Amino acid sequence: MNKELLEALGILEKEKNISKATMLEAIENSLLTACKNHFGRADNIKVNINPETCDFAVLAEKEVVEEVEEPLVQISLAEAKMIAPRYEIGDVVQLPIESKSFGRIATQNAKNVILQKIREEERKVLYNDWYTMEKDIVPGVVQRYLGRNVSINLGKVDAILSESEQVRGEVFQPTERIKVYVLEVKDTTKGPRISVSRTHPDLVKRLFELEVAEVRDGTVEIKSIAREAGSRTKIAVKSNDPNVDPVGACVGLNGARVNSVVSELRGEKIDIINWDDNPAYLIENALSPAKVICVVADEEAREAQVIVPDYQLSLAIGKEGQNARLAAKLTGYKIDIKSETQARELGLFEEMGLEPGMEEGSYEGYQEDYEAGYDGYEEQSDNNQNDYQDGYEDYQGEE
């Protein structure tokens, strides 16, 4: 039994995940290469390896002939008879070859064949491992900046975080730990080339899968994500269990779950809304926190007309149009937002088929809240005025 070779193959299999069968094949090829370099040809060479004991034998097959013309592939009948009396003309004799007799160059070439096979298999194993991680999230350690790109160590391999996949304003320090989304894994001669991202919307999805057990097991489903990396993200969630609140599950107790995701994204705001199969309700939810009077959605044209109270127009549109833009990405609809006054002037209520005066009832609750707030403000102002007047009269009396 070749114990040293058996132990070496065991170590390779354990540490580099290279199978014993693959390495035995590499050893066989290396011996054939050594024979070819030593004898000039190896078409009649056969290598026998026992996979259990790792014992091997190199045999040269030679044909028995009367007169030898090619010594490398032929043997005389007299010599064959000396090996075994049973051999006759035309038989094939297997003669053992001592690998120790190989020259230094032949041995070095055989060694190079084995090392090359180890490197190839190591690259192949790494590629297969990381190919399964494509479109997933992985932790990494920041190594250094390569120009405007960032080198991220993922363990046995390094990844490149290109400038286009970095969040604007996000700066990393060496040895800092971050989570990245694996965009693509390419097989190259130098090993797998891995591209990662910090801006991809699915990074948020994978982070919620890590933090929220209900998302991970499929009880809560993330139906859609719209993201402007570094600023704000909207996600629409749906529960497959009537007893589970999807928004509450994602937010967590005292906001613990969503705050963990926000912390990983370095303060990026996250809006979580309920998914609805009715596009009108979905658009209304997507425009949160703005309140909506009515929504008319055209499913074929993927367009929607939205009317909001006058005092909610700026909130519905958002800073630089961000809220409306994210709502459009989230729902897949082109959204046109109008205030109540604009809708009246353009006659949109009539176009939407609402009866005269109906538009007032459609936002009656909002109007009542507004009026109640205004009345409370007036009452408070009157109280303040009375207090001031009483204080002024007391002051006059003291004088």
Protein backbone atom coordinates (compact mmCIF):
# COMPACT_ATOMS: atom_id res chain seq x y z
CA MET A 1 0.00 0.00 0.00
CA ASN A 2 1.28 3.44 -0.96
CA LYS A 3 0.47 5.18 2.34
CA GLU A 4 2.15 8.49 1.53
CA LEU A 5 0.22 8.93 -1.70
CA LEU A 6 -3.03 7.85 -0.02
CA GLU A 7 -2.56 10.43 2.76
CA ALA A 8 -1.68 13.19 0.29
CA LEU A 9 -4.83 12.51 -1.74
CA GLY A 10 -6.88 12.53 1.46
CA ILE A 11 -5.53 15.97 2.41
CA LEU A 12 -6.28 17.37 -1.05
CA GLU A 13 -9.80 16.01 -0.91
CA LYS A 14 -10.41 17.50 2.54
CA GLU A 15 -8.78 20.92 2.16
CA LYS A 16 -9.35 21.73 -1.50
CA ASN A 17 -12.41 19.55 -2.16
CA ILE A 18 -10.65 17.77 -5.06
CA SER A 19 -11.83 14.18 -5.40
CA LYS A 20 -9.39 11.26 -5.15
CA ALA A 21 -10.57 9.89 -8.51
CA THR A 22 -9.66 13.16 -10.22
CA MET A 23 -6.18 13.17 -8.74
CA LEU A 24 -5.60 9.49 -9.63
CA GLU A 25 -6.51 10.36 -13.20
CA ALA A 26 -4.00 13.24 -13.08
CA ILE A 27 -1.28 10.90 -11.79
CA GLU A 28 -2.04 8.44 -14.60
CA ASN A 29 -1.71 11.22 -17.19
CA SER A 30 1.50 12.46 -15.60
CA LEU A 31 3.05 8.97 -15.84
CA LEU A 32 2.02 8.70 -19.48
CA THR A 33 3.58 12.13 -20.11
CA ALA A 34 6.81 11.02 -18.40
CA CYS A 35 6.93 7.87 -20.55
CA LYS A 36 6.42 9.89 -23.69
CA ASN A 37 9.23 12.28 -22.74
CA HIS A 38 11.52 9.38 -21.78
CA PHE A 39 10.85 6.95 -24.65
CA GLY A 40 9.58 9.36 -27.31
CA ARG A 41 6.14 7.69 -27.50
CA ALA A 42 3.53 6.32 -25.12
CA ASP A 43 0.84 4.76 -27.30
CA ASN A 44 1.72 1.26 -26.00
CA ILE A 45 2.06 2.33 -22.34
CA LYS A 46 -0.62 1.35 -19.82
CA VAL A 47 -0.92 2.58 -16.23
CA ASN A 48 -2.76 0.51 -13.63
CA ILE A 49 -3.71 2.24 -10.36
CA ASN A 50 -5.56 0.63 -7.45
CA PRO A 51 -7.87 3.36 -6.05
CA GLU A 52 -8.07 1.63 -2.66
CA THR A 53 -4.37 1.22 -1.95
CA CYS A 54 -2.96 3.79 -4.45
CA ASP A 55 -0.46 1.17 -5.65
CA PHE A 56 0.36 1.70 -9.32
CA ALA A 57 2.21 -0.08 -12.11
CA VAL A 58 3.45 1.23 -15.45
CA LEU A 59 3.40 -1.44 -18.18
CA ALA A 60 4.69 -1.41 -21.74
CA GLU A 61 2.77 -3.65 -24.13
CA LYS A 62 5.02 -5.29 -26.77
CA GLU A 63 4.15 -7.65 -29.60
CA VAL A 64 6.06 -10.95 -29.92
CA VAL A 65 7.84 -11.15 -33.32
CA GLU A 66 10.58 -13.26 -34.94
CA GLU A 67 12.83 -10.29 -35.68
CA VAL A 68 12.59 -7.03 -33.72
CA GLU A 69 12.43 -3.90 -35.90
CA GLU A 70 10.95 -1.45 -33.33
CA PRO A 71 12.27 -2.21 -29.83
CA LEU A 72 9.77 0.13 -28.17
CA VAL A 73 6.75 -1.89 -29.31
CA GLN A 74 8.20 -5.28 -30.22
CA ILE A 75 9.93 -8.15 -28.41
CA SER A 76 11.64 -11.21 -29.85
CA LEU A 77 10.18 -14.66 -29.38
CA ALA A 78 13.28 -15.80 -27.49
CA GLU A 79 12.98 -12.98 -24.95
CA ALA A 80 9.27 -13.61 -24.57
CA LYS A 81 9.92 -17.34 -23.93
CA MET A 82 12.32 -16.36 -21.18
CA ILE A 83 9.51 -14.44 -19.47
CA ALA A 84 6.92 -17.16 -19.96
CA PRO A 85 7.16 -20.29 -22.16
CA ARG A 86 3.51 -19.91 -23.25
CA TYR A 87 4.15 -16.87 -25.47
CA GLU A 88 3.96 -17.38 -29.25
CA ILE A 89 4.35 -15.15 -32.31
CA GLY A 90 1.64 -12.42 -32.29
CA ASP A 91 1.05 -12.47 -28.54
CA VAL A 92 1.28 -9.26 -26.48
CA VAL A 93 3.67 -9.15 -23.55
CA GLN A 94 3.27 -6.62 -20.72
CA LEU A 95 6.64 -5.51 -19.37
CA PRO A 96 6.89 -3.39 -16.17
CA ILE A 97 8.61 -0.01 -16.45
CA GLU A 98 10.48 1.42 -13.46
CA SER A 99 9.47 5.06 -13.09
CA LYS A 100 12.70 5.65 -11.16
CA SER A 101 14.57 5.27 -14.43
CA PHE A 102 12.94 8.38 -15.87
CA GLY A 103 15.20 11.35 -16.40
CA ARG A 104 15.00 14.63 -14.48
CA ILE A 105 13.16 16.45 -17.28
CA ALA A 106 10.59 13.69 -17.66
CA THR A 107 10.00 13.67 -13.90
CA GLN A 108 9.65 17.46 -13.78
CA ASN A 109 7.13 17.41 -16.62
CA ALA A 110 5.11 14.75 -14.80
CA LYS A 111 5.14 16.90 -11.67
CA ASN A 112 3.94 19.91 -13.66
CA VAL A 113 1.04 17.89 -15.07
CA ILE A 114 -0.11 17.02 -11.55
CA LEU A 115 0.24 20.60 -10.26
CA GLN A 116 -1.61 21.97 -13.29
CA LYS A 117 -4.46 19.52 -12.67
CA ILE A 118 -4.64 20.57 -9.02
CA ARG A 119 -4.89 24.24 -10.00
CA GLU A 120 -7.54 23.52 -12.63
CA GLU A 121 -9.63 21.48 -10.22
CA GLU A 122 -9.28 24.10 -7.51
CA ARG A 123 -10.54 26.80 -9.90
CA LYS A 124 -13.35 24.53 -11.05
CA VAL A 125 -14.46 23.78 -7.48
CA LEU A 126 -14.42 27.48 -6.56
CA TYR A 127 -16.41 28.40 -9.66
CA ASN A 128 -19.03 25.71 -9.00
CA ASP A 129 -19.35 26.83 -5.38
CA TRP A 130 -19.78 30.50 -6.25
CA TYR A 131 -21.98 29.90 -9.28
CA THR A 132 -24.64 28.60 -6.88
CA MET A 133 -24.29 31.86 -4.91
CA GLU A 134 -25.19 34.03 -7.90
CA LYS A 135 -28.17 36.34 -7.17
CA ASP A 136 -27.62 35.89 -3.44
CA ILE A 137 -26.22 37.99 -0.62
CA VAL A 138 -22.85 37.27 1.00
CA PRO A 139 -20.72 38.92 3.72
CA GLY A 140 -17.33 40.30 2.79
CA VAL A 141 -14.38 42.29 4.12
CA VAL A 142 -13.21 45.48 2.41
CA GLN A 143 -9.58 45.14 1.34
CA ARG A 144 -8.61 48.22 -0.63
CA TYR A 145 -9.64 50.66 -3.35
CA LEU A 146 -8.55 49.83 -6.90
CA GLY A 147 -8.98 53.22 -8.49
CA ARG A 148 -12.69 53.87 -7.97
CA ASN A 149 -13.51 50.19 -7.58
CA VAL A 150 -13.36 48.31 -4.29
CA SER A 151 -11.77 44.90 -3.71
CA ILE A 152 -13.90 42.75 -1.38
CA ASN A 153 -12.56 39.55 0.20
CA LEU A 154 -15.22 36.82 0.30
CA GLY A 155 -13.07 34.14 1.87
CA LYS A 156 -11.21 32.03 -0.69
CA VAL A 157 -11.84 34.51 -3.50
CA ASP A 158 -11.93 38.26 -4.02
CA ALA A 159 -14.77 40.20 -5.64
CA ILE A 160 -14.90 43.57 -7.37
CA LEU A 161 -17.40 46.23 -6.32
CA SER A 162 -17.37 48.54 -9.34
CA GLU A 163 -18.07 52.25 -9.13
CA SER A 164 -21.43 51.85 -10.91
CA GLU A 165 -22.59 49.36 -8.24
CA GLN A 166 -21.61 51.55 -5.29
CA VAL A 167 -24.08 53.74 -3.41
CA ARG A 168 -23.28 57.38 -3.98
CA GLY A 169 -21.62 58.87 -0.91
CA GLU A 170 -20.86 55.47 0.65
CA VAL A 171 -17.20 55.26 1.75
CA PHE A 172 -15.55 52.08 3.00
CA GLN A 173 -12.59 51.57 5.30
CA PRO A 174 -10.14 48.63 5.06
CA THR A 175 -11.16 45.58 7.16
CA GLU A 176 -14.75 46.88 7.30
CA ARG A 177 -17.39 44.13 7.08
CA ILE A 178 -20.27 44.64 4.65
CA LYS A 179 -22.92 42.58 2.87
CA VAL A 180 -22.99 42.55 -0.93
CA TYR A 181 -25.25 41.11 -3.63
CA VAL A 182 -23.58 38.70 -6.08
CA LEU A 183 -24.39 39.95 -9.56
CA GLU A 184 -22.38 37.59 -11.76
CA VAL A 185 -19.79 34.82 -11.55
CA LYS A 186 -17.52 34.28 -14.56
CA ASP A 187 -15.09 31.41 -15.09
CA THR A 188 -11.62 32.62 -16.11
CA THR A 189 -8.14 31.08 -16.36
CA LYS A 190 -7.21 32.84 -13.11
CA GLY A 191 -10.24 31.57 -11.21
CA PRO A 192 -13.81 32.80 -10.83
CA ARG A 193 -14.35 36.53 -11.37
CA ILE A 194 -17.15 37.74 -9.10
CA SER A 195 -19.02 41.02 -9.56
CA VAL A 196 -21.00 42.33 -6.59
CA SER A 197 -23.39 45.21 -5.95
CA ARG A 198 -24.61 47.47 -3.16
CA THR A 199 -27.28 49.20 -5.28
CA HIS A 200 -29.32 46.25 -6.59
CA PRO A 201 -32.96 46.16 -5.33
CA ASP A 202 -32.65 42.46 -4.53
CA LEU A 203 -30.04 43.33 -1.90
CA VAL A 204 -32.91 44.74 0.18
CA LYS A 205 -34.98 41.62 -0.48
CA ARG A 206 -32.18 39.30 0.65
CA LEU A 207 -31.58 41.40 3.77
CA PHE A 208 -35.24 41.04 4.74
CA GLU A 209 -34.98 37.28 4.15
CA LEU A 210 -32.09 37.21 6.64
CA GLU A 211 -33.90 39.31 9.24
CA VAL A 212 -37.53 38.19 8.85
CA ALA A 213 -38.31 34.52 9.39
CA GLU A 214 -41.74 34.88 7.76
CA VAL A 215 -40.14 36.14 4.54
CA ARG A 216 -37.54 33.39 4.65
CA ASP A 217 -40.11 30.58 4.97
CA GLY A 218 -42.52 32.07 2.41
CA THR A 219 -45.31 33.08 4.82
CA VAL A 220 -44.75 36.71 3.80
CA GLU A 221 -43.92 37.34 0.17
CA ILE A 222 -42.12 40.41 -1.18
CA LYS A 223 -44.05 41.08 -4.39
CA SER A 224 -42.25 44.17 -5.65
CA ILE A 225 -39.31 46.44 -4.81
CA ALA A 226 -38.46 49.93 -6.02
CA ARG A 227 -35.18 51.41 -4.88
CA GLU A 228 -33.12 54.55 -5.23
CA ALA A 229 -29.97 53.34 -3.53
CA GLY A 230 -28.76 55.41 -0.61
CA SER A 231 -31.96 57.42 -0.38
CA ARG A 232 -35.22 55.47 -0.23
CA THR A 233 -36.78 52.09 -0.97
CA LYS A 234 -40.41 50.99 -1.25
CA ILE A 235 -41.37 47.35 -0.92
CA ALA A 236 -44.81 45.77 -1.34
CA VAL A 237 -45.47 42.69 0.79
CA LYS A 238 -48.25 40.10 0.84
CA SER A 239 -49.12 37.51 3.47
CA ASN A 240 -49.99 33.94 2.50
CA ASP A 241 -51.38 33.39 6.01
CA PRO A 242 -54.48 35.38 7.02
CA ASN A 243 -53.27 35.40 10.63
CA VAL A 244 -49.98 37.14 9.78
CA ASP A 245 -49.73 40.89 9.17
CA PRO A 246 -47.09 41.24 6.42
CA VAL A 247 -46.13 44.83 7.22
CA GLY A 248 -45.93 44.15 10.96
CA ALA A 249 -43.80 41.05 10.38
CA CYS A 250 -41.29 43.05 8.32
CA VAL A 251 -41.21 45.98 10.75
CA GLY A 252 -40.78 43.80 13.84
CA LEU A 253 -41.19 44.63 17.52
CA ASN A 254 -40.41 48.33 18.01
CA GLY A 255 -39.08 48.36 14.44
CA ALA A 256 -36.20 46.01 15.30
CA ARG A 257 -36.26 44.08 12.03
CA VAL A 258 -36.55 46.97 9.61
CA ASN A 259 -34.03 49.00 11.64
CA SER A 260 -31.50 46.19 11.24
CA VAL A 261 -31.91 46.39 7.45
CA VAL A 262 -31.74 50.20 7.52
CA SER A 263 -28.53 50.00 9.56
CA GLU A 264 -26.91 47.67 6.99
CA LEU A 265 -27.98 50.12 4.26
CA ARG A 266 -26.53 53.01 6.29
CA GLY A 267 -29.71 54.94 6.99
CA GLU A 268 -31.58 54.37 3.72
CA LYS A 269 -35.32 54.99 4.30
CA ILE A 270 -37.60 52.00 3.73
CA ASP A 271 -41.37 52.19 3.14
CA ILE A 272 -43.25 48.91 3.58
CA ILE A 273 -46.75 48.73 2.10
CA ASN A 274 -49.44 46.09 1.63
CA TRP A 275 -49.68 44.48 -1.79
CA ASP A 276 -53.11 44.43 -3.42
CA ASP A 277 -54.19 42.65 -6.60
CA ASN A 278 -56.44 45.61 -7.35
CA PRO A 279 -54.12 48.13 -9.06
CA ALA A 280 -56.08 51.13 -7.77
CA TYR A 281 -55.65 50.07 -4.13
CA LEU A 282 -52.02 49.13 -4.80
CA ILE A 283 -51.27 52.58 -6.24
CA GLU A 284 -53.01 54.22 -3.29
CA ASN A 285 -50.84 52.20 -0.90
CA ALA A 286 -47.71 52.90 -2.95
CA LEU A 287 -48.18 56.67 -2.63
CA SER A 288 -48.08 56.35 1.17
CA PRO A 289 -47.70 58.40 3.34
CA ALA A 290 -49.81 60.70 1.14
CA LYS A 291 -53.60 60.37 1.32
CA VAL A 292 -55.52 59.83 -1.91
CA ILE A 293 -59.04 60.93 -2.91
CA CYS A 294 -59.45 58.55 -5.83
CA VAL A 295 -57.48 56.42 -8.30
CA VAL A 296 -58.53 55.36 -11.79
CA ALA A 297 -56.19 52.74 -13.29
CA ASP A 298 -56.09 51.53 -16.90
CA GLU A 299 -54.68 47.99 -16.75
CA GLU A 300 -54.18 47.70 -20.52
CA ALA A 301 -52.29 50.97 -20.91
CA ARG A 302 -50.65 50.58 -17.49
CA GLU A 303 -51.55 54.16 -16.66
CA ALA A 304 -53.29 55.64 -13.64
CA GLN A 305 -54.90 58.97 -12.81
CA VAL A 306 -54.62 59.94 -9.14
CA ILE A 307 -56.35 62.83 -7.35
CA VAL A 308 -55.14 63.97 -3.94
CA PRO A 309 -56.26 66.76 -1.57
CA ASP A 310 -54.55 70.09 -2.26
CA TYR A 311 -52.54 69.98 0.97
CA GLN A 312 -51.29 66.44 0.13
CA LEU A 313 -50.00 67.16 -3.39
CA SER A 314 -46.39 67.93 -2.44
CA LEU A 315 -46.30 64.91 -0.11
CA ALA A 316 -47.65 62.61 -2.84
CA ILE A 317 -45.08 63.80 -5.36
CA GLY A 318 -42.24 63.84 -2.83
CA LYS A 319 -38.92 65.64 -2.83
CA GLU A 320 -37.79 66.03 -6.45
CA GLY A 321 -40.64 63.67 -7.43
CA GLN A 322 -39.12 60.73 -5.56
CA ASN A 323 -42.31 59.40 -3.92
CA ALA A 324 -44.25 59.37 -7.18
CA ARG A 325 -41.28 57.94 -9.09
CA LEU A 326 -40.81 55.05 -6.66
CA ALA A 327 -44.57 54.37 -6.60
CA ALA A 328 -44.53 54.12 -10.41
CA LYS A 329 -41.59 51.67 -10.31
CA LEU A 330 -43.22 49.63 -7.56
CA THR A 331 -46.57 49.26 -9.31
CA GLY A 332 -45.45 49.28 -12.94
CA TYR A 333 -47.97 52.02 -13.76
CA LYS A 334 -47.40 55.46 -15.18
CA ILE A 335 -48.95 57.66 -12.49
CA ASP A 336 -50.36 61.14 -13.14
CA ILE A 337 -51.05 62.99 -9.88
CA LYS A 338 -53.41 65.97 -9.72
CA SER A 339 -54.61 68.04 -6.79
CA GLU A 340 -58.34 68.40 -6.10
CA THR A 341 -58.37 71.97 -7.44
CA GLN A 342 -56.56 70.95 -10.63
CA ALA A 343 -58.97 68.04 -11.08
CA ARG A 344 -61.99 70.36 -10.77
CA GLU A 345 -60.54 72.82 -13.27
CA LEU A 346 -59.79 70.06 -15.77
CA GLY A 347 -63.14 68.34 -15.23
CA LEU A 348 -61.47 65.08 -14.25
CA PHE A 349 -64.20 64.12 -11.80
CA GLU A 350 -66.76 64.13 -14.62
CA GLU A 351 -64.36 62.21 -16.91
CA MET A 352 -63.94 59.60 -14.22
CA GLY A 353 -67.67 59.13 -14.10
CA LEU A 354 -68.17 60.66 -10.67
CA GLU A 355 -71.47 62.40 -10.10
CA PRO A 356 -71.45 66.14 -9.28
CA GLY A 357 -70.72 66.63 -5.61
CA MET A 358 -69.54 63.06 -5.24
CA GLU A 359 -65.96 64.19 -5.22
CA GLU A 360 -66.60 66.00 -1.94
CA GLY A 361 -67.94 62.85 -0.31
CA SER A 362 -65.02 60.82 -1.61
CA TYR A 363 -62.63 62.71 0.64
CA GLU A 364 -65.09 63.72 3.30
CA GLY A 365 -62.98 62.09 6.00
CA TYR A 366 -59.90 64.05 4.96
CA GLN A 367 -61.88 67.28 4.80
CA GLU A 368 -63.34 66.67 8.27
CA ASP A 369 -59.87 66.02 9.67
CA TYR A 370 -58.62 69.23 8.07
CA GLU A 371 -61.56 71.28 9.35
CA ALA A 372 -61.32 69.74 12.83
CA GLY A 373 -57.66 70.64 12.93
CA TYR A 374 -58.41 74.18 11.80
CA ASP A 375 -61.23 74.56 14.37
CA GLY A 376 -58.90 73.32 17.08
CA TYR A 377 -56.33 75.85 15.97
CA GLU A 378 -58.92 78.67 16.11
CA GLU A 379 -60.13 77.55 19.55
CA GLN A 380 -56.56 77.45 20.83
CA SER A 381 -55.95 80.90 19.37
CA ASP A 382 -59.07 82.24 21.13
CA ASN A 383 -57.91 80.76 24.44
CA ASN A 384 -54.48 82.29 24.00
CA GLN A 385 -56.07 85.64 23.21
CA ASN A 386 -58.32 85.46 26.32
CA ASP A 387 -55.33 84.55 28.51
CA TYR A 388 -53.41 87.47 27.13
CA GLN A 389 -56.35 89.84 27.70
CA ASP A 390 -56.84 88.65 31.30
CA GLY A 391 -53.17 89.03 32.03
CA TYR A 392 -53.11 92.50 30.54
CA GLU A 393 -56.10 93.62 32.67
CA ASP A 394 -54.45 92.22 35.84
CA TYR A 395 -51.33 94.13 34.98
CA GLN A 396 -53.34 97.34 34.54
CA GLY A 397 -55.04 96.76 37.92
CA GLU A 398 -51.69 96.40 39.69
CA GLU A 399 -50.55 99.73 38.31
